[in-house]
Amino acid sequence: MKPIFLIGFMGSGKTTLGKKLAKKLNLPFVDLDHVFVDTYQQDIPSFFQLYGENQFRIAEREILKKHAQVEAVISTGGGTPCYFDNMDWILENGLAIYLYHTPASLYARLKTSKIDQRPALKNLSEEQLRVFIVEKLSERAIYYERAQLKIDQLHSTVDELVEILKPYQIEKPA
């Protein structure tokens, strides 16, 4: 069985849904952002500040390829599929599920999240946040839309997702 990669914009629920889905499927859960922090012993905002986005994306790619070759539900970073050949690699090595949200729903989620933990959002006004989401989502859609499955995250339950996955023979025997 290949890994299940959850992709989508920051704040789309990859970690939250991923944990629930992994439990339902009796699979381990891997959050690549947490693996990054464990590997580099540094949070992502600090790494960004010290080394810049390019070095972060290089390190993120190495983590993707090293830690994602397991039978697991894997939460990627929001930008992970959009750099280098990461989306090609994800599609070749597992099942990609795009957790879709509208810009309005992402704004509602992100404006109440811990902005300081998201380097790209730090110091943005509410209007700048709205514009950022629309622009970035538009840029990243060409990558996200390549996923084998697209799930409306606002209107889908974990149980519905498990049913959708059955033809992919993802479930492990109990």
C-alpha atoms as a PDB file:
ATOM      1  CA  MET A   1       0.000   0.000   0.000  1.00  0.00           C
ATOM      2  CA  LYS A   2       1.199   3.501  -0.815  1.00  0.00           C
ATOM      3  CA  PRO A   3       0.956   6.541   1.450  1.00  0.00           C
ATOM      4  CA  ILE A   4      -1.989   8.938   1.373  1.00  0.00           C
ATOM      5  CA  PHE A   5      -0.795  12.528   0.965  1.00  0.00           C
ATOM      6  CA  LEU A   6      -3.097  15.307   2.142  1.00  0.00           C
ATOM      7  CA  ILE A   7      -2.393  18.489   0.225  1.00  0.00           C
ATOM      8  CA  GLY A   8      -3.988  21.915   0.280  1.00  0.00           C
ATOM      9  CA  PHE A   9      -3.577  25.476   1.387  1.00  0.00           C
ATOM     10  CA  MET A  10      -2.423  26.357   4.882  1.00  0.00           C
ATOM     11  CA  GLY A  11      -5.327  26.153   7.290  1.00  0.00           C
ATOM     12  CA  SER A  12      -7.238  23.634   5.157  1.00  0.00           C
ATOM     13  CA  GLY A  13      -7.254  21.001   7.902  1.00  0.00           C
ATOM     14  CA  LYS A  14      -4.583  18.612   6.650  1.00  0.00           C
ATOM     15  CA  THR A  15      -3.312  17.836  10.148  1.00  0.00           C
ATOM     16  CA  THR A  16      -6.694  17.675  11.863  1.00  0.00           C
ATOM     17  CA  LEU A  17      -8.343  15.545   9.175  1.00  0.00           C
ATOM     18  CA  GLY A  18      -5.162  13.518   8.723  1.00  0.00           C
ATOM     19  CA  LYS A  19      -5.117  12.380  12.342  1.00  0.00           C
ATOM     20  CA  LYS A  20      -8.779  11.351  12.179  1.00  0.00           C
ATOM     21  CA  LEU A  21      -8.371   9.593   8.838  1.00  0.00           C
ATOM     22  CA  ALA A  22      -5.276   7.707   9.991  1.00  0.00           C
ATOM     23  CA  LYS A  23      -7.139   6.485  13.053  1.00  0.00           C
ATOM     24  CA  LYS A  24     -10.111   5.303  10.951  1.00  0.00           C
ATOM     25  CA  LEU A  25      -7.796   3.507   8.514  1.00  0.00           C
ATOM     26  CA  ASN A  26      -5.574   2.076  11.246  1.00  0.00           C
ATOM     27  CA  LEU A  27      -2.518   3.754   9.716  1.00  0.00           C
ATOM     28  CA  PRO A  28       0.204   5.913  11.235  1.00  0.00           C
ATOM     29  CA  PHE A  29      -0.069   9.672  10.812  1.00  0.00           C
ATOM     30  CA  VAL A  30       2.919  11.748   9.691  1.00  0.00           C
ATOM     31  CA  ASP A  31       2.881  15.547   9.712  1.00  0.00           C
ATOM     32  CA  LEU A  32       5.797  16.698   7.549  1.00  0.00           C
ATOM     33  CA  ASP A  33       5.899  20.078   9.309  1.00  0.00           C
ATOM     34  CA  HIS A  34       6.408  18.283  12.634  1.00  0.00           C
ATOM     35  CA  VAL A  35       9.065  16.044  11.073  1.00  0.00           C
ATOM     36  CA  PHE A  36      10.811  19.208   9.869  1.00  0.00           C
ATOM     37  CA  VAL A  37      10.821  20.685  13.386  1.00  0.00           C
ATOM     38  CA  ASP A  38      12.081  17.417  14.881  1.00  0.00           C
ATOM     39  CA  THR A  39      14.778  17.057  12.221  1.00  0.00           C
ATOM     40  CA  TYR A  40      16.127  20.610  12.406  1.00  0.00           C
ATOM     41  CA  GLN A  41      15.361  21.224  16.082  1.00  0.00           C
ATOM     42  CA  GLN A  42      13.919  24.557  15.044  1.00  0.00           C
ATOM     43  CA  ASP A  43      10.443  25.848  14.311  1.00  0.00           C
ATOM     44  CA  ILE A  44       9.616  26.759  10.732  1.00  0.00           C
ATOM     45  CA  PRO A  45       9.316  30.554  11.286  1.00  0.00           C
ATOM     46  CA  SER A  46      12.805  30.635  12.851  1.00  0.00           C
ATOM     47  CA  PHE A  47      14.246  28.536  10.014  1.00  0.00           C
ATOM     48  CA  PHE A  48      12.643  30.894   7.464  1.00  0.00           C
ATOM     49  CA  GLN A  49      14.099  33.914   9.224  1.00  0.00           C
ATOM     50  CA  LEU A  50      17.613  32.461   9.459  1.00  0.00           C
ATOM     51  CA  TYR A  51      17.922  30.684   6.106  1.00  0.00           C
ATOM     52  CA  GLY A  52      15.147  31.990   3.859  1.00  0.00           C
ATOM     53  CA  GLU A  53      12.372  30.307   1.935  1.00  0.00           C
ATOM     54  CA  ASN A  54      14.610  28.692  -0.685  1.00  0.00           C
ATOM     55  CA  GLN A  55      16.612  26.749   1.924  1.00  0.00           C
ATOM     56  CA  PHE A  56      13.359  25.815   3.660  1.00  0.00           C
ATOM     57  CA  ARG A  57      11.914  24.422   0.410  1.00  0.00           C
ATOM     58  CA  ILE A  58      15.074  22.385  -0.234  1.00  0.00           C
ATOM     59  CA  ALA A  59      14.966  20.924   3.290  1.00  0.00           C
ATOM     60  CA  GLU A  60      11.201  20.320   2.988  1.00  0.00           C
ATOM     61  CA  ARG A  61      11.756  18.369  -0.246  1.00  0.00           C
ATOM     62  CA  GLU A  62      14.374  16.152   1.402  1.00  0.00           C
ATOM     63  CA  ILE A  63      11.995  15.439   4.283  1.00  0.00           C
ATOM     64  CA  LEU A  64       9.151  14.621   1.889  1.00  0.00           C
ATOM     65  CA  LYS A  65      11.238  12.078   0.009  1.00  0.00           C
ATOM     66  CA  LYS A  66      12.880  10.591   3.100  1.00  0.00           C
ATOM     67  CA  HIS A  67       9.903  10.302   5.454  1.00  0.00           C
ATOM     68  CA  ALA A  68       7.004   9.744   3.102  1.00  0.00           C
ATOM     69  CA  GLN A  69       7.869   6.280   1.857  1.00  0.00           C
ATOM     70  CA  VAL A  70       5.727   4.538   4.443  1.00  0.00           C
ATOM     71  CA  GLU A  71       2.173   3.270   4.616  1.00  0.00           C
ATOM     72  CA  ALA A  72       0.678   6.270   6.372  1.00  0.00           C
ATOM     73  CA  VAL A  73      -1.577   9.275   6.125  1.00  0.00           C
ATOM     74  CA  ILE A  74       0.803  12.165   5.490  1.00  0.00           C
ATOM     75  CA  SER A  75       0.031  15.841   5.976  1.00  0.00           C
ATOM     76  CA  THR A  76       2.187  18.004   3.719  1.00  0.00           C
ATOM     77  CA  GLY A  77       2.971  21.670   4.111  1.00  0.00           C
ATOM     78  CA  GLY A  78       0.732  23.974   2.090  1.00  0.00           C
ATOM     79  CA  GLY A  79       3.512  24.778  -0.373  1.00  0.00           C
ATOM     80  CA  THR A  80       5.103  21.339  -0.528  1.00  0.00           C
ATOM     81  CA  PRO A  81       3.421  20.219  -3.791  1.00  0.00           C
ATOM     82  CA  CYS A  82       4.285  23.534  -5.490  1.00  0.00           C
ATOM     83  CA  TYR A  83       8.071  23.379  -5.507  1.00  0.00           C
ATOM     84  CA  PHE A  84      10.611  21.384  -7.494  1.00  0.00           C
ATOM     85  CA  ASP A  85       9.111  18.118  -8.735  1.00  0.00           C
ATOM     86  CA  ASN A  86       7.325  17.449  -5.435  1.00  0.00           C
ATOM     87  CA  MET A  87       3.836  17.032  -6.913  1.00  0.00           C
ATOM     88  CA  ASP A  88       5.109  14.613  -9.553  1.00  0.00           C
ATOM     89  CA  TRP A  89       6.867  12.657  -6.802  1.00  0.00           C
ATOM     90  CA  ILE A  90       3.737  12.614  -4.618  1.00  0.00           C
ATOM     91  CA  LEU A  91       1.594  11.346  -7.502  1.00  0.00           C
ATOM     92  CA  GLU A  92       4.113   8.646  -8.397  1.00  0.00           C
ATOM     93  CA  ASN A  93       4.536   7.454  -4.819  1.00  0.00           C
ATOM     94  CA  GLY A  94       1.072   7.637  -3.295  1.00  0.00           C
ATOM     95  CA  LEU A  95      -2.474   8.877  -3.394  1.00  0.00           C
ATOM     96  CA  ALA A  96      -2.858  12.663  -3.247  1.00  0.00           C
ATOM     97  CA  ILE A  97      -6.019  14.122  -1.731  1.00  0.00           C
ATOM     98  CA  TYR A  98      -6.602  17.842  -2.188  1.00  0.00           C
ATOM     99  CA  LEU A  99      -8.523  19.325   0.738  1.00  0.00           C
ATOM    100  CA  TYR A 100     -10.347  22.082  -1.084  1.00  0.00           C
ATOM    101  CA  HIS A 101     -11.575  25.305   0.508  1.00  0.00           C
ATOM    102  CA  THR A 102     -12.859  28.533  -0.962  1.00  0.00           C
ATOM    103  CA  PRO A 103     -10.792  31.677  -0.330  1.00  0.00           C
ATOM    104  CA  ALA A 104     -13.548  32.902   2.025  1.00  0.00           C
ATOM    105  CA  SER A 105     -13.456  29.757   4.148  1.00  0.00           C
ATOM    106  CA  LEU A 106      -9.646  29.841   4.292  1.00  0.00           C
ATOM    107  CA  TYR A 107      -9.765  33.487   5.363  1.00  0.00           C
ATOM    108  CA  ALA A 108     -12.237  32.680   8.140  1.00  0.00           C
ATOM    109  CA  ARG A 109      -9.980  29.878   9.381  1.00  0.00           C
ATOM    110  CA  LEU A 110      -6.664  31.707   9.047  1.00  0.00           C
ATOM    111  CA  LYS A 111      -7.670  35.033  10.563  1.00  0.00           C
ATOM    112  CA  THR A 112      -8.273  33.265  13.880  1.00  0.00           C
ATOM    113  CA  SER A 113      -5.227  30.979  13.689  1.00  0.00           C
ATOM    114  CA  LYS A 114      -1.822  31.579  15.205  1.00  0.00           C
ATOM    115  CA  ILE A 115      -0.502  33.862  12.474  1.00  0.00           C
ATOM    116  CA  ASP A 116       2.934  34.112  14.125  1.00  0.00           C
ATOM    117  CA  GLN A 117       3.469  30.406  13.409  1.00  0.00           C
ATOM    118  CA  ARG A 118       2.914  30.972   9.693  1.00  0.00           C
ATOM    119  CA  PRO A 119       5.838  32.983   8.256  1.00  0.00           C
ATOM    120  CA  ALA A 120       4.013  34.011   5.080  1.00  0.00           C
ATOM    121  CA  LEU A 121       1.166  35.590   7.084  1.00  0.00           C
ATOM    122  CA  LYS A 122       3.140  37.461   9.697  1.00  0.00           C
ATOM    123  CA  ASN A 123       2.400  41.204   9.779  1.00  0.00           C
ATOM    124  CA  LEU A 124      -0.478  41.063   7.271  1.00  0.00           C
ATOM    125  CA  SER A 125      -3.582  43.174   7.836  1.00  0.00           C
ATOM    126  CA  GLU A 126      -6.969  41.505   7.367  1.00  0.00           C
ATOM    127  CA  GLU A 127      -7.270  42.930   3.848  1.00  0.00           C
ATOM    128  CA  GLN A 128      -3.726  41.864   2.985  1.00  0.00           C
ATOM    129  CA  LEU A 129      -4.562  38.392   4.291  1.00  0.00           C
ATOM    130  CA  ARG A 130      -7.604  38.201   1.986  1.00  0.00           C
ATOM    131  CA  VAL A 131      -5.525  39.255  -1.029  1.00  0.00           C
ATOM    132  CA  PHE A 132      -2.692  36.885  -0.093  1.00  0.00           C
ATOM    133  CA  ILE A 133      -5.059  33.907   0.105  1.00  0.00           C
ATOM    134  CA  VAL A 134      -6.694  34.654  -3.257  1.00  0.00           C
ATOM    135  CA  GLU A 135      -3.344  35.183  -4.998  1.00  0.00           C
ATOM    136  CA  LYS A 136      -1.518  32.204  -3.475  1.00  0.00           C
ATOM    137  CA  LEU A 137      -4.471  29.863  -3.919  1.00  0.00           C
ATOM    138  CA  SER A 138      -4.670  30.903  -7.566  1.00  0.00           C
ATOM    139  CA  GLU A 139      -0.922  30.226  -8.026  1.00  0.00           C
ATOM    140  CA  ARG A 140      -1.048  26.873  -6.249  1.00  0.00           C
ATOM    141  CA  ALA A 141      -4.289  25.560  -7.753  1.00  0.00           C
ATOM    142  CA  ILE A 142      -2.471  24.094 -10.772  1.00  0.00           C
ATOM    143  CA  TYR A 143      -0.550  21.839  -8.392  1.00  0.00           C
ATOM    144  CA  TYR A 144      -3.366  21.040  -5.961  1.00  0.00           C
ATOM    145  CA  GLU A 145      -5.814  20.220  -8.769  1.00  0.00           C
ATOM    146  CA  ARG A 146      -3.509  17.438 -10.011  1.00  0.00           C
ATOM    147  CA  ALA A 147      -4.381  15.317  -6.961  1.00  0.00           C
ATOM    148  CA  GLN A 148      -6.128  12.034  -7.677  1.00  0.00           C
ATOM    149  CA  LEU A 149      -8.954  13.088  -5.326  1.00  0.00           C
ATOM    150  CA  LYS A 150     -10.407  16.488  -4.486  1.00  0.00           C
ATOM    151  CA  ILE A 151     -12.433  16.715  -1.285  1.00  0.00           C
ATOM    152  CA  ASP A 152     -14.642  19.639  -0.303  1.00  0.00           C
ATOM    153  CA  GLN A 153     -13.229  19.918   3.195  1.00  0.00           C
ATOM    154  CA  LEU A 154     -16.153  21.976   4.521  1.00  0.00           C
ATOM    155  CA  HIS A 155     -18.824  19.509   3.476  1.00  0.00           C
ATOM    156  CA  SER A 156     -17.129  16.109   3.869  1.00  0.00           C
ATOM    157  CA  THR A 157     -16.816  13.935   6.941  1.00  0.00           C
ATOM    158  CA  VAL A 158     -14.031  11.498   7.737  1.00  0.00           C
ATOM    159  CA  ASP A 159     -16.474   8.609   7.313  1.00  0.00           C
ATOM    160  CA  GLU A 160     -17.422   9.881   3.842  1.00  0.00           C
ATOM    161  CA  LEU A 161     -13.742  10.130   2.949  1.00  0.00           C
ATOM    162  CA  VAL A 162     -13.158   6.544   4.096  1.00  0.00           C
ATOM    163  CA  GLU A 163     -15.998   5.446   1.779  1.00  0.00           C
ATOM    164  CA  ILE A 164     -14.520   7.427  -1.125  1.00  0.00           C
ATOM    165  CA  LEU A 165     -11.166   5.722  -0.529  1.00  0.00           C
ATOM    166  CA  LYS A 166     -12.541   2.163  -0.637  1.00  0.00           C
ATOM    167  CA  PRO A 167     -12.048   1.736  -4.410  1.00  0.00           C
ATOM    168  CA  TYR A 168      -8.404   2.668  -3.861  1.00  0.00           C
ATOM    169  CA  GLN A 169      -8.105  -0.275  -1.420  1.00  0.00           C
ATOM    170  CA  ILE A 170      -6.525   1.934   1.189  1.00  0.00           C
ATOM    171  CA  GLU A 171      -8.066   0.298   4.256  1.00  0.00           C
ATOM    172  CA  LYS A 172      -5.967  -2.198   6.141  1.00  0.00           C
ATOM    173  CA  PRO A 173      -7.644  -5.311   7.485  1.00  0.00           C
ATOM    174  CA  ALA A 174      -8.679  -4.959  11.130  1.00  0.00           C
END
